[in-house]
Amino acid sequence: MNNIWLIIFIASSLLLLLVLLRNRLSWKGVGSFAAHFLLAAAALYVLNYSGVLPGEQIPLNPVTIGTVVVLGIPGVALIMGLQWLVI
């Protein structure tokens, strides 16, 4: 059963790569997403280590960075609120 999932994963990855390579427009989107991802990671890093949010640490992982990429500054507030409610 695991081999079937592995084959499906490899085939879908290859098809996605084919679509990305054929369309130049998609490279623009991938580049834009990568730039936003790096800027969001840098912003979270600065917030964590500058002392702007005393006593609060936002983990740098793909989920938190992705939230900040999609939502921007309200994403940081969302993560802070979730941490405040859960912890």
C-alpha atoms as a PDB file:
ATOM      1  CA  MET A   1       0.000   0.000   0.000  1.00  0.00           C
ATOM      2  CA  ASN A   2       2.872   2.383   0.782  1.00  0.00           C
ATOM      3  CA  ASN A   3       4.335   1.795  -2.672  1.00  0.00           C
ATOM      4  CA  ILE A   4       1.095   2.940  -4.289  1.00  0.00           C
ATOM      5  CA  TRP A   5       1.170   6.207  -2.335  1.00  0.00           C
ATOM      6  CA  LEU A   6       4.827   6.714  -3.227  1.00  0.00           C
ATOM      7  CA  ILE A   7       4.108   6.178  -6.934  1.00  0.00           C
ATOM      8  CA  ILE A   8       1.162   8.598  -6.799  1.00  0.00           C
ATOM      9  CA  PHE A   9       3.317  11.185  -5.008  1.00  0.00           C
ATOM     10  CA  ILE A  10       6.166  10.911  -7.527  1.00  0.00           C
ATOM     11  CA  ALA A  11       3.802  11.046 -10.514  1.00  0.00           C
ATOM     12  CA  SER A  12       1.946  14.093  -9.205  1.00  0.00           C
ATOM     13  CA  SER A  13       5.235  15.836  -8.388  1.00  0.00           C
ATOM     14  CA  LEU A  14       6.508  15.225 -11.907  1.00  0.00           C
ATOM     15  CA  LEU A  15       3.274  16.495 -13.437  1.00  0.00           C
ATOM     16  CA  LEU A  16       3.403  19.619 -11.270  1.00  0.00           C
ATOM     17  CA  LEU A  17       7.000  20.204 -12.350  1.00  0.00           C
ATOM     18  CA  LEU A  18       5.961  19.799 -15.988  1.00  0.00           C
ATOM     19  CA  VAL A  19       3.217  22.397 -15.591  1.00  0.00           C
ATOM     20  CA  LEU A  20       5.602  24.820 -13.881  1.00  0.00           C
ATOM     21  CA  LEU A  21       8.266  24.411 -16.550  1.00  0.00           C
ATOM     22  CA  ARG A  22       5.855  24.877 -19.449  1.00  0.00           C
ATOM     23  CA  ASN A  23       4.267  28.091 -18.209  1.00  0.00           C
ATOM     24  CA  ARG A  24       6.498  31.111 -17.820  1.00  0.00           C
ATOM     25  CA  LEU A  25       3.737  32.896 -15.953  1.00  0.00           C
ATOM     26  CA  SER A  26       3.912  30.309 -13.190  1.00  0.00           C
ATOM     27  CA  TRP A  27       7.617  31.095 -12.624  1.00  0.00           C
ATOM     28  CA  LYS A  28       6.612  34.664 -11.870  1.00  0.00           C
ATOM     29  CA  GLY A  29       4.151  33.411  -9.247  1.00  0.00           C
ATOM     30  CA  VAL A  30       6.694  31.040  -7.703  1.00  0.00           C
ATOM     31  CA  GLY A  31       9.257  33.846  -7.512  1.00  0.00           C
ATOM     32  CA  SER A  32       6.740  36.191  -5.932  1.00  0.00           C
ATOM     33  CA  PHE A  33       5.732  33.586  -3.347  1.00  0.00           C
ATOM     34  CA  ALA A  34       9.385  32.856  -2.530  1.00  0.00           C
ATOM     35  CA  ALA A  35      10.096  36.567  -2.036  1.00  0.00           C
ATOM     36  CA  HIS A  36       7.067  36.974   0.235  1.00  0.00           C
ATOM     37  CA  PHE A  37       8.056  33.835   2.150  1.00  0.00           C
ATOM     38  CA  LEU A  38      11.575  35.159   2.786  1.00  0.00           C
ATOM     39  CA  LEU A  39      10.306  38.596   3.814  1.00  0.00           C
ATOM     40  CA  ALA A  40       7.799  37.055   6.231  1.00  0.00           C
ATOM     41  CA  ALA A  41      10.516  34.859   7.755  1.00  0.00           C
ATOM     42  CA  ALA A  42      12.776  37.899   8.156  1.00  0.00           C
ATOM     43  CA  ALA A  43       9.943  39.899   9.756  1.00  0.00           C
ATOM     44  CA  LEU A  44       9.210  37.121  12.262  1.00  0.00           C
ATOM     45  CA  TYR A  45      12.920  36.803  13.036  1.00  0.00           C
ATOM     46  CA  VAL A  46      13.179  40.541  13.698  1.00  0.00           C
ATOM     47  CA  LEU A  47      10.051  40.476  15.890  1.00  0.00           C
ATOM     48  CA  ASN A  48      11.392  37.556  17.914  1.00  0.00           C
ATOM     49  CA  TYR A  49      14.855  38.915  18.584  1.00  0.00           C
ATOM     50  CA  SER A  50      14.348  42.682  18.698  1.00  0.00           C
ATOM     51  CA  GLY A  51      12.392  42.697  21.945  1.00  0.00           C
ATOM     52  CA  VAL A  52       9.371  44.449  20.414  1.00  0.00           C
ATOM     53  CA  LEU A  53       7.146  41.718  21.844  1.00  0.00           C
ATOM     54  CA  PRO A  54       8.596  41.126  25.333  1.00  0.00           C
ATOM     55  CA  GLY A  55       8.106  37.619  26.631  1.00  0.00           C
ATOM     56  CA  GLU A  56       6.578  36.374  23.380  1.00  0.00           C
ATOM     57  CA  GLN A  57       8.246  34.076  20.864  1.00  0.00           C
ATOM     58  CA  ILE A  58       6.697  33.180  17.521  1.00  0.00           C
ATOM     59  CA  PRO A  59       8.175  29.934  16.177  1.00  0.00           C
ATOM     60  CA  LEU A  60       9.743  30.047  12.734  1.00  0.00           C
ATOM     61  CA  ASN A  61       8.149  27.120  10.924  1.00  0.00           C
ATOM     62  CA  PRO A  62       6.374  26.808   7.567  1.00  0.00           C
ATOM     63  CA  VAL A  63       2.900  27.119   9.105  1.00  0.00           C
ATOM     64  CA  THR A  64       3.560  30.376  10.952  1.00  0.00           C
ATOM     65  CA  ILE A  65       5.521  31.865   8.069  1.00  0.00           C
ATOM     66  CA  GLY A  66       2.789  30.820   5.631  1.00  0.00           C
ATOM     67  CA  THR A  67       0.178  32.484   7.851  1.00  0.00           C
ATOM     68  CA  VAL A  68       2.157  35.719   7.793  1.00  0.00           C
ATOM     69  CA  VAL A  69       2.637  35.432   4.009  1.00  0.00           C
ATOM     70  CA  VAL A  70      -1.100  35.061   3.422  1.00  0.00           C
ATOM     71  CA  LEU A  71      -2.449  37.434   6.091  1.00  0.00           C
ATOM     72  CA  GLY A  72       0.408  39.882   6.613  1.00  0.00           C
ATOM     73  CA  ILE A  73       0.522  41.803   9.905  1.00  0.00           C
ATOM     74  CA  PRO A  74      -2.916  40.507  10.981  1.00  0.00           C
ATOM     75  CA  GLY A  75      -1.362  37.038  10.664  1.00  0.00           C
ATOM     76  CA  VAL A  76       1.161  37.969  13.353  1.00  0.00           C
ATOM     77  CA  ALA A  77      -1.703  39.177  15.554  1.00  0.00           C
ATOM     78  CA  LEU A  78      -3.572  35.914  14.880  1.00  0.00           C
ATOM     79  CA  ILE A  79      -0.581  33.808  15.912  1.00  0.00           C
ATOM     80  CA  MET A  80      -0.056  35.921  19.033  1.00  0.00           C
ATOM     81  CA  GLY A  81      -3.744  35.573  19.945  1.00  0.00           C
ATOM     82  CA  LEU A  82      -3.667  31.812  19.456  1.00  0.00           C
ATOM     83  CA  GLN A  83      -0.579  31.532  21.634  1.00  0.00           C
ATOM     84  CA  TRP A  84      -2.233  33.666  24.306  1.00  0.00           C
ATOM     85  CA  LEU A  85      -5.371  31.497  24.285  1.00  0.00           C
ATOM     86  CA  VAL A  86      -3.619  28.131  24.202  1.00  0.00           C
ATOM     87  CA  ILE A  87      -0.658  28.746  26.497  1.00  0.00           C
END
